[in-house]
Every structure is written in structure tokens, then in C-alpha cells.
Amino acid sequence: MSWASTVIVLVGKETASRPWVTWEIEKAQQLGKRIVGVYEHGGSENNVPEALEKYADAIVKWNADSIVSAVEGENTFQNTAGDQRAPVHAATTSRC
């Protein structure tokens, strides 16, 4: 993870209940990485992990344009239908 500029978290059916996912999200935050959540294709019923809600720079649906925009720095928050939603936090990720 240390070499990556962005960490992508796939939000699947059981992602929110996996402790190692929380650890990875928190580690990415500690390392100052951009964190992007991506709902799995058709994952409209999936719960977002609490740590992802807290630290994500973007959370988007499974769509190439949305994912690329989020990775490239657009702070986009979408609900599972792909509609815009307000971000949960106003934190910024520092860049060197």
C-alpha cells in the first residue's frame, strides 16, 4: 500500500462486516492515501463500512467514468443508484 497514491475499496455484500477491510481503510488514512469506495456491480443493497464513510474521498457506483474521475481526484459521493449525495466528512488528503 505504501507505493499507491489511491486505495480502492470494493463495497460488496459483506465488506462492512470484515475487520481487515476496516484495518486497510484506517491504514490508508494514516498513510495519507486517497480512499475511493466503489459499489460492486449491482450492489445497491450493500452497506458501506463505517471507516469508509468516515475517511473516503469519494464513493461511487460501478461505472468506469465514475471510478476514473474519483481516482483522478474528483470528490464524488454517490448513493447506490448513482445519484449524488453529500459527503460524510470534509477531510482532505494531503499531497506532496
PDB file of N, CA and C in Angstrom:
ATOM      1  N   MET A   1       0.816  -1.187   0.000  1.00  0.00           N
ATOM      2  CA  MET A   1       0.000   0.000   0.000  1.00  0.00           C
ATOM      3  C   MET A   1       0.865   1.258   0.000  1.00  0.00           C
ATOM      4  N   SER A   2       2.076   1.159   0.495  1.00  0.00           N
ATOM      5  CA  SER A   2       2.911   2.352   0.630  1.00  0.00           C
ATOM      6  C   SER A   2       3.213   3.028  -0.699  1.00  0.00           C
ATOM      7  N   TRP A   3       3.277   2.284  -1.789  1.00  0.00           N
ATOM      8  CA  TRP A   3       3.590   2.874  -3.087  1.00  0.00           C
ATOM      9  C   TRP A   3       2.382   3.459  -3.800  1.00  0.00           C
ATOM     10  N   ALA A   4       1.195   3.105  -3.373  1.00  0.00           N
ATOM     11  CA  ALA A   4      -0.031   3.540  -4.051  1.00  0.00           C
ATOM     12  C   ALA A   4      -0.398   4.969  -3.654  1.00  0.00           C
ATOM     13  N   SER A   5      -0.954   5.717  -4.594  1.00  0.00           N
ATOM     14  CA  SER A   5      -1.458   7.049  -4.262  1.00  0.00           C
ATOM     15  C   SER A   5      -2.928   6.981  -3.861  1.00  0.00           C
ATOM     16  N   THR A   6      -3.621   5.937  -4.332  1.00  0.00           N
ATOM     17  CA  THR A   6      -5.043   5.781  -4.063  1.00  0.00           C
ATOM     18  C   THR A   6      -5.332   4.341  -3.661  1.00  0.00           C
ATOM     19  N   VAL A   7      -6.196   4.175  -2.672  1.00  0.00           N
ATOM     20  CA  VAL A   7      -6.651   2.853  -2.257  1.00  0.00           C
ATOM     21  C   VAL A   7      -8.122   2.748  -2.633  1.00  0.00           C
ATOM     22  N   ILE A   8      -8.460   1.709  -3.386  1.00  0.00           N
ATOM     23  CA  ILE A   8      -9.845   1.481  -3.798  1.00  0.00           C
ATOM     24  C   ILE A   8     -10.432   0.369  -2.942  1.00  0.00           C
ATOM     25  N   VAL A   9     -11.603   0.627  -2.381  1.00  0.00           N
ATOM     26  CA  VAL A   9     -12.297  -0.338  -1.533  1.00  0.00           C
ATOM     27  C   VAL A   9     -13.563  -0.769  -2.266  1.00  0.00           C
ATOM     28  N   LEU A  10     -13.618  -2.029  -2.644  1.00  0.00           N
ATOM     29  CA  LEU A  10     -14.803  -2.574  -3.287  1.00  0.00           C
ATOM     30  C   LEU A  10     -15.851  -2.843  -2.214  1.00  0.00           C
ATOM     31  N   VAL A  11     -17.026  -2.258  -2.357  1.00  0.00           N
ATOM     32  CA  VAL A  11     -18.091  -2.413  -1.370  1.00  0.00           C
ATOM     33  C   VAL A  11     -19.016  -3.529  -1.840  1.00  0.00           C
ATOM     34  N   GLY A  12     -18.793  -4.708  -1.271  1.00  0.00           N
ATOM     35  CA  GLY A  12     -19.594  -5.877  -1.585  1.00  0.00           C
ATOM     36  C   GLY A  12     -20.581  -6.168  -0.468  1.00  0.00           C
ATOM     37  N   LYS A  13     -21.263  -7.303  -0.577  1.00  0.00           N
ATOM     38  CA  LYS A  13     -22.312  -7.668   0.386  1.00  0.00           C
ATOM     39  C   LYS A  13     -21.823  -7.706   1.825  1.00  0.00           C
ATOM     40  N   GLU A  14     -20.620  -8.222   2.048  1.00  0.00           N
ATOM     41  CA  GLU A  14     -20.141  -8.408   3.413  1.00  0.00           C
ATOM     42  C   GLU A  14     -18.958  -7.519   3.766  1.00  0.00           C
ATOM     43  N   THR A  15     -18.648  -6.551   2.918  1.00  0.00           N
ATOM     44  CA  THR A  15     -17.494  -5.680   3.161  1.00  0.00           C
ATOM     45  C   THR A  15     -17.591  -4.976   4.505  1.00  0.00           C
ATOM     46  N   ALA A  16     -18.765  -4.470   4.841  1.00  0.00           N
ATOM     47  CA  ALA A  16     -18.932  -3.701   6.077  1.00  0.00           C
ATOM     48  C   ALA A  16     -18.679  -4.522   7.331  1.00  0.00           C
ATOM     49  N   SER A  17     -18.769  -5.839   7.234  1.00  0.00           N
ATOM     50  CA  SER A  17     -18.582  -6.681   8.418  1.00  0.00           C
ATOM     51  C   SER A  17     -17.178  -7.280   8.515  1.00  0.00           C
ATOM     52  N   ARG A  18     -16.297  -6.947   7.612  1.00  0.00           N
ATOM     53  CA  ARG A  18     -14.956  -7.525   7.594  1.00  0.00           C
ATOM     54  C   ARG A  18     -13.952  -6.638   8.335  1.00  0.00           C
ATOM     55  N   PRO A  19     -13.396  -7.108   9.453  1.00  0.00           N
ATOM     56  CA  PRO A  19     -12.468  -6.289  10.229  1.00  0.00           C
ATOM     57  C   PRO A  19     -11.202  -5.911   9.465  1.00  0.00           C
ATOM     58  N   TRP A  20     -10.710  -6.773   8.594  1.00  0.00           N
ATOM     59  CA  TRP A  20      -9.489  -6.459   7.852  1.00  0.00           C
ATOM     60  C   TRP A  20      -9.724  -5.328   6.867  1.00  0.00           C
ATOM     61  N   VAL A  21     -10.953  -5.160   6.383  1.00  0.00           N
ATOM     62  CA  VAL A  21     -11.270  -4.031   5.495  1.00  0.00           C
ATOM     63  C   VAL A  21     -11.154  -2.741   6.289  1.00  0.00           C
ATOM     64  N   THR A  22     -11.682  -2.730   7.494  1.00  0.00           N
ATOM     65  CA  THR A  22     -11.566  -1.553   8.356  1.00  0.00           C
ATOM     66  C   THR A  22     -10.100  -1.239   8.598  1.00  0.00           C
ATOM     67  N   TRP A  23      -9.293  -2.255   8.867  1.00  0.00           N
ATOM     68  CA  TRP A  23      -7.863  -2.042   9.096  1.00  0.00           C
ATOM     69  C   TRP A  23      -7.204  -1.399   7.877  1.00  0.00           C
ATOM     70  N   GLU A  24      -7.511  -1.910   6.678  1.00  0.00           N
ATOM     71  CA  GLU A  24      -6.914  -1.361   5.448  1.00  0.00           C
ATOM     72  C   GLU A  24      -7.333   0.092   5.226  1.00  0.00           C
ATOM     73  N   ILE A  25      -8.585   0.405   5.468  1.00  0.00           N
ATOM     74  CA  ILE A  25      -9.062   1.777   5.301  1.00  0.00           C
ATOM     75  C   ILE A  25      -8.356   2.703   6.289  1.00  0.00           C
ATOM     76  N   GLU A  26      -8.267   2.280   7.540  1.00  0.00           N
ATOM     77  CA  GLU A  26      -7.605   3.098   8.557  1.00  0.00           C
ATOM     78  C   GLU A  26      -6.116   3.253   8.261  1.00  0.00           C
ATOM     79  N   LYS A  27      -5.475   2.205   7.770  1.00  0.00           N
ATOM     80  CA  LYS A  27      -4.051   2.282   7.407  1.00  0.00           C
ATOM     81  C   LYS A  27      -3.861   3.254   6.248  1.00  0.00           C
ATOM     82  N   ALA A  28      -4.732   3.187   5.250  1.00  0.00           N
ATOM     83  CA  ALA A  28      -4.653   4.112   4.113  1.00  0.00           C
ATOM     84  C   ALA A  28      -4.789   5.553   4.596  1.00  0.00           C
ATOM     85  N   GLN A  29      -5.695   5.788   5.531  1.00  0.00           N
ATOM     86  CA  GLN A  29      -5.877   7.127   6.091  1.00  0.00           C
ATOM     87  C   GLN A  29      -4.610   7.579   6.803  1.00  0.00           C
ATOM     88  N   GLN A  30      -4.009   6.695   7.609  1.00  0.00           N
ATOM     89  CA  GLN A  30      -2.779   7.028   8.332  1.00  0.00           C
ATOM     90  C   GLN A  30      -1.645   7.374   7.372  1.00  0.00           C
ATOM     91  N   LEU A  31      -1.603   6.703   6.231  1.00  0.00           N
ATOM     92  CA  LEU A  31      -0.551   6.936   5.242  1.00  0.00           C
ATOM     93  C   LEU A  31      -0.862   8.125   4.329  1.00  0.00           C
ATOM     94  N   GLY A  32      -2.014   8.758   4.500  1.00  0.00           N
ATOM     95  CA  GLY A  32      -2.381   9.916   3.703  1.00  0.00           C
ATOM     96  C   GLY A  32      -2.791   9.592   2.276  1.00  0.00           C
ATOM     97  N   LYS A  33      -3.304   8.394   2.070  1.00  0.00           N
ATOM     98  CA  LYS A  33      -3.716   7.956   0.733  1.00  0.00           C
ATOM     99  C   LYS A  33      -5.113   8.459   0.402  1.00  0.00           C
ATOM    100  N   ARG A  34      -5.374   8.677  -0.873  1.00  0.00           N
ATOM    101  CA  ARG A  34      -6.732   8.959  -1.338  1.00  0.00           C
ATOM    102  C   ARG A  34      -7.496   7.642  -1.221  1.00  0.00           C
ATOM    103  N   ILE A  35      -8.713   7.694  -0.709  1.00  0.00           N
ATOM    104  CA  ILE A  35      -9.513   6.487  -0.490  1.00  0.00           C
ATOM    105  C   ILE A  35     -10.795   6.610  -1.304  1.00  0.00           C
ATOM    106  N   VAL A  36     -10.997   5.633  -2.190  1.00  0.00           N
ATOM    107  CA  VAL A  36     -12.166   5.628  -3.062  1.00  0.00           C
ATOM    108  C   VAL A  36     -12.942   4.340  -2.830  1.00  0.00           C
ATOM    109  N   GLY A  37     -14.207   4.470  -2.473  1.00  0.00           N
ATOM    110  CA  GLY A  37     -15.092   3.321  -2.351  1.00  0.00           C
ATOM    111  C   GLY A  37     -15.845   3.126  -3.656  1.00  0.00           C
ATOM    112  N   VAL A  38     -15.998   1.873  -4.063  1.00  0.00           N
ATOM    113  CA  VAL A  38     -16.714   1.551  -5.293  1.00  0.00           C
ATOM    114  C   VAL A  38     -17.731   0.458  -4.975  1.00  0.00           C
ATOM    115  N   TYR A  39     -19.018   0.759  -5.183  1.00  0.00           N
ATOM    116  CA  TYR A  39     -20.043  -0.266  -5.006  1.00  0.00           C
ATOM    117  C   TYR A  39     -19.852  -1.338  -6.069  1.00  0.00           C
ATOM    118  N   GLU A  40     -19.909  -2.623  -5.680  1.00  0.00           N
ATOM    119  CA  GLU A  40     -19.820  -3.685  -6.668  1.00  0.00           C
ATOM    120  C   GLU A  40     -20.991  -3.564  -7.639  1.00  0.00           C
ATOM    121  N   HIS A  41     -20.816  -4.093  -8.827  1.00  0.00           N
ATOM    122  CA  HIS A  41     -21.858  -4.025  -9.847  1.00  0.00           C
ATOM    123  C   HIS A  41     -23.147  -4.646  -9.311  1.00  0.00           C
ATOM    124  N   GLY A  42     -24.209  -3.882  -9.318  1.00  0.00           N
ATOM    125  CA  GLY A  42     -25.487  -4.370  -8.807  1.00  0.00           C
ATOM    126  C   GLY A  42     -25.571  -4.404  -7.301  1.00  0.00           C
ATOM    127  N   GLY A  43     -24.668  -3.728  -6.609  1.00  0.00           N
ATOM    128  CA  GLY A  43     -24.597  -3.799  -5.152  1.00  0.00           C
ATOM    129  C   GLY A  43     -25.420  -2.766  -4.425  1.00  0.00           C
ATOM    130  N   SER A  44     -26.622  -2.550  -4.877  1.00  0.00           N
ATOM    131  CA  SER A  44     -27.445  -1.486  -4.303  1.00  0.00           C
ATOM    132  C   SER A  44     -27.881  -1.746  -2.864  1.00  0.00           C
ATOM    133  N   GLU A  45     -27.769  -2.972  -2.399  1.00  0.00           N
ATOM    134  CA  GLU A  45     -28.164  -3.283  -1.029  1.00  0.00           C
ATOM    135  C   GLU A  45     -26.963  -3.357  -0.083  1.00  0.00           C
ATOM    136  N   ASN A  46     -25.785  -3.087  -0.588  1.00  0.00           N
ATOM    137  CA  ASN A  46     -24.577  -3.242   0.219  1.00  0.00           C
ATOM    138  C   ASN A  46     -24.380  -2.091   1.194  1.00  0.00           C
ATOM    139  N   ASN A  47     -23.999  -2.428   2.422  1.00  0.00           N
ATOM    140  CA  ASN A  47     -23.693  -1.422   3.431  1.00  0.00           C
ATOM    141  C   ASN A  47     -22.252  -0.952   3.262  1.00  0.00           C
ATOM    142  N   VAL A  48     -22.047   0.335   3.465  1.00  0.00           N
ATOM    143  CA  VAL A  48     -20.708   0.923   3.385  1.00  0.00           C
ATOM    144  C   VAL A  48     -20.059   0.796   4.753  1.00  0.00           C
ATOM    145  N   PRO A  49     -18.807   0.310   4.818  1.00  0.00           N
ATOM    146  CA  PRO A  49     -18.127   0.217   6.111  1.00  0.00           C
ATOM    147  C   PRO A  49     -18.050   1.581   6.799  1.00  0.00           C
ATOM    148  N   GLU A  50     -18.172   1.599   8.104  1.00  0.00           N
ATOM    149  CA  GLU A  50     -18.134   2.838   8.870  1.00  0.00           C
ATOM    150  C   GLU A  50     -16.842   3.620   8.609  1.00  0.00           C
ATOM    151  N   ALA A  51     -15.714   2.925   8.567  1.00  0.00           N
ATOM    152  CA  ALA A  51     -14.438   3.605   8.323  1.00  0.00           C
ATOM    153  C   ALA A  51     -14.396   4.239   6.933  1.00  0.00           C
ATOM    154  N   LEU A  52     -15.043   3.606   5.960  1.00  0.00           N
ATOM    155  CA  LEU A  52     -15.092   4.177   4.615  1.00  0.00           C
ATOM    156  C   LEU A  52     -15.967   5.426   4.612  1.00  0.00           C
ATOM    157  N   GLU A  53     -17.096   5.384   5.309  1.00  0.00           N
ATOM    158  CA  GLU A  53     -17.942   6.575   5.433  1.00  0.00           C
ATOM    159  C   GLU A  53     -17.161   7.720   6.069  1.00  0.00           C
ATOM    160  N   LYS A  54     -16.315   7.378   7.017  1.00  0.00           N
ATOM    161  CA  LYS A  54     -15.566   8.391   7.762  1.00  0.00           C
ATOM    162  C   LYS A  54     -14.404   8.971   6.955  1.00  0.00           C
ATOM    163  N   TYR A  55     -13.680   8.151   6.209  1.00  0.00           N
ATOM    164  CA  TYR A  55     -12.428   8.582   5.591  1.00  0.00           C
ATOM    165  C   TYR A  55     -12.424   8.671   4.072  1.00  0.00           C
ATOM    166  N   ALA A  56     -13.446   8.194   3.397  1.00  0.00           N
ATOM    167  CA  ALA A  56     -13.415   8.166   1.929  1.00  0.00           C
ATOM    168  C   ALA A  56     -13.341   9.565   1.336  1.00  0.00           C
ATOM    169  N   ASP A  57     -12.557   9.680   0.272  1.00  0.00           N
ATOM    170  CA  ASP A  57     -12.513  10.899  -0.517  1.00  0.00           C
ATOM    171  C   ASP A  57     -13.608  10.873  -1.572  1.00  0.00           C
ATOM    172  N   ALA A  58     -14.050   9.678  -1.930  1.00  0.00           N
ATOM    173  CA  ALA A  58     -15.119   9.502  -2.909  1.00  0.00           C
ATOM    174  C   ALA A  58     -15.718   8.114  -2.723  1.00  0.00           C
ATOM    175  N   ILE A  59     -17.011   8.008  -2.985  1.00  0.00           N
ATOM    176  CA  ILE A  59     -17.691   6.715  -3.025  1.00  0.00           C
ATOM    177  C   ILE A  59     -18.579   6.756  -4.265  1.00  0.00           C
ATOM    178  N   VAL A  60     -18.341   5.820  -5.175  1.00  0.00           N
ATOM    179  CA  VAL A  60     -19.024   5.857  -6.471  1.00  0.00           C
ATOM    180  C   VAL A  60     -19.595   4.490  -6.837  1.00  0.00           C
ATOM    181  N   LYS A  61     -20.493   4.506  -7.812  1.00  0.00           N
ATOM    182  CA  LYS A  61     -21.060   3.253  -8.293  1.00  0.00           C
ATOM    183  C   LYS A  61     -20.096   2.604  -9.294  1.00  0.00           C
ATOM    184  N   TRP A  62     -20.389   1.359  -9.652  1.00  0.00           N
ATOM    185  CA  TRP A  62     -19.579   0.572 -10.582  1.00  0.00           C
ATOM    186  C   TRP A  62     -19.820   1.112 -11.994  1.00  0.00           C
ATOM    187  N   ASN A  63     -18.999   2.077 -12.367  1.00  0.00           N
ATOM    188  CA  ASN A  63     -19.106   2.720 -13.663  1.00  0.00           C
ATOM    189  C   ASN A  63     -17.722   3.270 -13.983  1.00  0.00           C
ATOM    190  N   ALA A  64     -17.182   2.941 -15.144  1.00  0.00           N
ATOM    191  CA  ALA A  64     -15.810   3.316 -15.478  1.00  0.00           C
ATOM    192  C   ALA A  64     -15.570   4.816 -15.334  1.00  0.00           C
ATOM    193  N   ASP A  65     -16.467   5.637 -15.859  1.00  0.00           N
ATOM    194  CA  ASP A  65     -16.273   7.085 -15.780  1.00  0.00           C
ATOM    195  C   ASP A  65     -16.256   7.577 -14.336  1.00  0.00           C
ATOM    196  N   SER A  66     -17.151   7.058 -13.516  1.00  0.00           N
ATOM    197  CA  SER A  66     -17.199   7.444 -12.103  1.00  0.00           C
ATOM    198  C   SER A  66     -15.935   7.034 -11.367  1.00  0.00           C
ATOM    199  N   ILE A  67     -15.463   5.828 -11.620  1.00  0.00           N
ATOM    200  CA  ILE A  67     -14.270   5.326 -10.938  1.00  0.00           C
ATOM    201  C   ILE A  67     -13.045   6.130 -11.353  1.00  0.00           C
ATOM    202  N   VAL A  68     -12.867   6.360 -12.646  1.00  0.00           N
ATOM    203  CA  VAL A  68     -11.715   7.124 -13.132  1.00  0.00           C
ATOM    204  C   VAL A  68     -11.733   8.538 -12.553  1.00  0.00           C
ATOM    205  N   SER A  69     -12.884   9.184 -12.568  1.00  0.00           N
ATOM    206  CA  SER A  69     -12.994  10.536 -12.007  1.00  0.00           C
ATOM    207  C   SER A  69     -12.620  10.558 -10.531  1.00  0.00           C
ATOM    208  N   ALA A  70     -13.087   9.577  -9.787  1.00  0.00           N
ATOM    209  CA  ALA A  70     -12.789   9.517  -8.351  1.00  0.00           C
ATOM    210  C   ALA A  70     -11.301   9.294  -8.101  1.00  0.00           C
ATOM    211  N   VAL A  71     -10.691   8.393  -8.861  1.00  0.00           N
ATOM    212  CA  VAL A  71      -9.261   8.118  -8.696  1.00  0.00           C
ATOM    213  C   VAL A  71      -8.432   9.336  -9.076  1.00  0.00           C
ATOM    214  N   GLU A  72      -8.879  10.071 -10.075  1.00  0.00           N
ATOM    215  CA  GLU A  72      -8.134  11.245 -10.539  1.00  0.00           C
ATOM    216  C   GLU A  72      -8.334  12.472  -9.663  1.00  0.00           C
ATOM    217  N   GLY A  73      -9.166  12.370  -8.638  1.00  0.00           N
ATOM    218  CA  GLY A  73      -9.243  13.453  -7.678  1.00  0.00           C
ATOM    219  C   GLY A  73     -10.569  14.150  -7.525  1.00  0.00           C
ATOM    220  N   GLU A  74     -11.567  13.770  -8.291  1.00  0.00           N
ATOM    221  CA  GLU A  74     -12.877  14.383  -8.124  1.00  0.00           C
ATOM    222  C   GLU A  74     -13.526  13.796  -6.880  1.00  0.00           C
ATOM    223  N   ASN A  75     -13.902  14.653  -5.962  1.00  0.00           N
ATOM    224  CA  ASN A  75     -14.555  14.185  -4.739  1.00  0.00           C
ATOM    225  C   ASN A  75     -16.026  13.978  -5.037  1.00  0.00           C
ATOM    226  N   THR A  76     -16.378  12.748  -5.349  1.00  0.00           N
ATOM    227  CA  THR A  76     -17.727  12.391  -5.746  1.00  0.00           C
ATOM    228  C   THR A  76     -18.309  11.418  -4.736  1.00  0.00           C
ATOM    229  N   PHE A  77     -19.507  11.692  -4.295  1.00  0.00           N
ATOM    230  CA  PHE A  77     -20.200  10.772  -3.404  1.00  0.00           C
ATOM    231  C   PHE A  77     -21.531  10.446  -4.038  1.00  0.00           C
ATOM    232  N   GLN A  78     -21.742   9.159  -4.318  1.00  0.00           N
ATOM    233  CA  GLN A  78     -22.970   8.710  -4.948  1.00  0.00           C
ATOM    234  C   GLN A  78     -23.662   7.714  -4.042  1.00  0.00           C
ATOM    235  N   ASN A  79     -24.976   7.683  -4.136  1.00  0.00           N
ATOM    236  CA  ASN A  79     -25.684   6.618  -3.446  1.00  0.00           C
ATOM    237  C   ASN A  79     -25.668   5.393  -4.356  1.00  0.00           C
ATOM    238  N   THR A  80     -26.276   4.327  -3.922  1.00  0.00           N
ATOM    239  CA  THR A  80     -26.197   3.093  -4.696  1.00  0.00           C
ATOM    240  C   THR A  80     -26.892   3.183  -6.043  1.00  0.00           C
ATOM    241  N   ALA A  81     -27.787   4.145  -6.216  1.00  0.00           N
ATOM    242  CA  ALA A  81     -28.457   4.342  -7.510  1.00  0.00           C
ATOM    243  C   ALA A  81     -27.605   5.199  -8.446  1.00  0.00           C
ATOM    244  N   GLY A  82     -26.497   5.751  -7.922  1.00  0.00           N
ATOM    245  CA  GLY A  82     -25.631   6.591  -8.738  1.00  0.00           C
ATOM    246  C   GLY A  82     -25.940   8.068  -8.618  1.00  0.00           C
ATOM    247  N   ASP A  83     -26.940   8.433  -7.799  1.00  0.00           N
ATOM    248  CA  ASP A  83     -27.276   9.833  -7.591  1.00  0.00           C
ATOM    249  C   ASP A  83     -26.286  10.455  -6.610  1.00  0.00           C
ATOM    250  N   GLN A  84     -26.014  11.738  -6.775  1.00  0.00           N
ATOM    251  CA  GLN A  84     -25.088  12.427  -5.879  1.00  0.00           C
ATOM    252  C   GLN A  84     -25.645  12.459  -4.461  1.00  0.00           C
ATOM    253  N   ARG A  85     -24.758  12.365  -3.490  1.00  0.00           N
ATOM    254  CA  ARG A  85     -25.129  12.515  -2.093  1.00  0.00           C
ATOM    255  C   ARG A  85     -24.070  13.374  -1.430  1.00  0.00           C
ATOM    256  N   ALA A  86     -24.381  13.953  -0.310  1.00  0.00           N
ATOM    257  CA  ALA A  86     -23.424  14.789   0.407  1.00  0.00           C
ATOM    258  C   ALA A  86     -22.326  13.927   1.015  1.00  0.00           C
ATOM    259  N   PRO A  87     -21.077  14.429   1.036  1.00  0.00           N
ATOM    260  CA  PRO A  87     -20.016  13.676   1.712  1.00  0.00           C
ATOM    261  C   PRO A  87     -20.279  13.620   3.208  1.00  0.00           C
ATOM    262  N   VAL A  88     -19.758  12.590   3.830  1.00  0.00           N
ATOM    263  CA  VAL A  88     -19.963  12.408   5.266  1.00  0.00           C
ATOM    264  C   VAL A  88     -19.011  13.284   6.055  1.00  0.00           C
ATOM    265  N   HIS A  89     -17.862  13.564   5.499  1.00  0.00           N
ATOM    266  CA  HIS A  89     -16.854  14.366   6.182  1.00  0.00           C
ATOM    267  C   HIS A  89     -16.292  15.390   5.226  1.00  0.00           C
ATOM    268  N   ALA A  90     -15.517  16.326   5.750  1.00  0.00           N
ATOM    269  CA  ALA A  90     -14.911  17.359   4.914  1.00  0.00           C
ATOM    270  C   ALA A  90     -13.396  17.260   4.957  1.00  0.00           C
ATOM    271  N   ALA A  91     -12.876  16.100   5.278  1.00  0.00           N
ATOM    272  CA  ALA A  91     -11.425  15.922   5.384  1.00  0.00           C
ATOM    273  C   ALA A  91     -10.778  15.998   4.010  1.00  0.00           C
ATOM    274  N   THR A  92      -9.532  16.440   3.987  1.00  0.00           N
ATOM    275  CA  THR A  92      -8.781  16.470   2.743  1.00  0.00           C
ATOM    276  C   THR A  92      -7.568  15.561   2.865  1.00  0.00           C
ATOM    277  N   THR A  93      -7.124  15.064   1.753  1.00  0.00           N
ATOM    278  CA  THR A  93      -5.925  14.243   1.722  1.00  0.00           C
ATOM    279  C   THR A  93      -4.775  15.124   1.266  1.00  0.00           C
ATOM    280  N   SER A  94      -3.683  15.126   2.020  1.00  0.00           N
ATOM    281  CA  SER A  94      -2.552  15.987   1.655  1.00  0.00           C
ATOM    282  C   SER A  94      -1.748  15.372   0.524  1.00  0.00           C
ATOM    283  N   ARG A  95      -1.161  16.196  -0.267  1.00  0.00           N
ATOM    284  CA  ARG A  95      -0.318  15.773  -1.391  1.00  0.00           C
ATOM    285  C   ARG A  95       1.043  16.423  -1.254  1.00  0.00           C
ATOM    286  N   CYS A  96       2.060  15.726  -1.645  1.00  0.00           N
ATOM    287  CA  CYS A  96       3.418  16.276  -1.619  1.00  0.00           C
ATOM    288  C   CYS A  96       3.846  16.678  -3.013  1.00  0.00           C
TER     289      CYS A  96
END
